[in-house]
């Protein structure tokens, strides 16, 4: 493992945790906002890459589902705006 991979994993984890914490404490950040879902999409994509470097299949699956769910939710939000 390189330090580059570790930094990607840490960044992904931080983005998802930031989204979670903001959702818990700020009403303007919630599961129905573009910002919340964007952080989850980027964070989970980075964690998919990180998990793939270790062939950690349970975590690949977890983060692919997380990514797909946030992506679907983001599409729903965008569709409602139209």
Protein backbone atom coordinates (compact mmCIF):
# COMPACT_ATOMS: atom_id res chain seq x y z
CA UNK A 1 0.00 0.00 0.00
CA UNK A 2 1.24 3.43 -0.83
CA UNK A 3 0.72 6.57 1.20
CA UNK A 4 -1.25 7.87 -1.81
CA UNK A 5 -3.82 5.08 -1.37
CA UNK A 6 -4.03 5.77 2.35
CA UNK A 7 -4.70 9.46 1.72
CA UNK A 8 -7.49 8.54 -0.72
CA UNK A 9 -9.05 6.27 1.90
CA UNK A 10 -8.80 8.91 4.63
CA UNK A 11 -10.30 11.59 2.37
CA UNK A 12 -13.19 9.31 1.41
CA UNK A 13 -13.87 8.48 5.03
CA UNK A 14 -13.73 12.15 6.05
CA UNK A 15 -16.18 13.22 3.35
CA UNK A 16 -18.76 10.65 4.43
CA UNK A 17 -18.28 11.52 8.11
CA UNK A 18 -18.58 15.25 7.39
CA UNK A 19 -21.85 14.66 5.52
CA UNK A 20 -23.15 12.56 8.43
CA UNK A 21 -22.16 15.10 11.10
CA UNK A 22 -23.62 18.03 9.16
CA UNK A 23 -26.86 16.07 8.67
CA UNK A 24 -27.07 15.48 12.41
CA UNK A 25 -26.52 19.09 13.50
CA UNK A 26 -27.58 21.44 10.68
CA UNK A 27 -31.10 21.45 9.24
CA UNK A 28 -29.86 22.89 5.95
CA UNK A 29 -27.73 19.76 5.42
CA UNK A 30 -29.86 16.67 5.14
CA UNK A 31 -30.45 13.63 2.96
CA UNK A 32 -32.52 15.70 0.55
CA UNK A 33 -29.76 18.14 -0.36
CA UNK A 34 -27.40 18.04 -3.29
CA UNK A 35 -24.42 18.83 -1.05
CA UNK A 36 -25.06 15.92 1.31
CA UNK A 37 -25.40 13.41 -1.50
CA UNK A 38 -22.43 14.83 -3.42
CA UNK A 39 -20.17 14.34 -0.39
CA UNK A 40 -21.43 10.77 -0.05
CA UNK A 41 -20.89 10.06 -3.75
CA UNK A 42 -17.34 11.38 -3.76
CA UNK A 43 -16.48 9.81 -0.41
CA UNK A 44 -17.85 6.40 -1.28
CA UNK A 45 -16.18 6.46 -4.72
CA UNK A 46 -12.83 7.13 -3.05
CA UNK A 47 -13.50 4.32 -0.57
CA UNK A 48 -14.39 1.92 -3.39
CA UNK A 49 -10.98 2.63 -4.92
CA UNK A 50 -9.30 2.21 -1.53
CA UNK A 51 -11.11 -1.09 -0.81
CA UNK A 52 -10.25 -2.40 -4.29
CA UNK A 53 -6.54 -1.84 -3.61
CA UNK A 54 -6.87 -4.34 -0.75
CA UNK A 55 -9.35 -6.61 -2.50
CA UNK A 56 -11.58 -6.06 0.53
CA UNK A 57 -14.74 -7.25 -1.20
CA UNK A 58 -17.20 -6.64 1.65
CA UNK A 59 -16.11 -3.00 1.77
CA UNK A 60 -16.19 -2.71 -2.01
CA UNK A 61 -19.81 -3.91 -1.98
CA UNK A 62 -20.73 -1.65 0.95
CA UNK A 63 -19.35 1.44 -0.74
CA UNK A 64 -20.72 0.59 -4.20
CA UNK A 65 -24.18 0.35 -2.63
CA UNK A 66 -23.56 3.61 -0.73
CA UNK A 67 -22.44 5.28 -3.97
CA UNK A 68 -25.40 3.95 -5.97
CA UNK A 69 -27.90 4.99 -3.29
CA UNK A 70 -26.51 8.52 -3.04
CA UNK A 71 -26.40 8.75 -6.83
CA UNK A 72 -30.02 7.64 -7.12
CA UNK A 73 -31.07 10.11 -4.43
CA UNK A 74 -29.21 12.90 -6.22
CA UNK A 75 -31.05 12.07 -9.46
CA UNK A 76 -34.37 12.19 -7.58
CA UNK A 77 -33.49 15.62 -6.17
CA UNK A 78 -32.54 16.92 -9.60
CA UNK A 79 -35.71 15.49 -11.15
CA UNK A 80 -37.89 17.22 -8.50
CA UNK A 81 -36.29 20.56 -9.34
CA UNK A 82 -37.59 20.38 -12.92
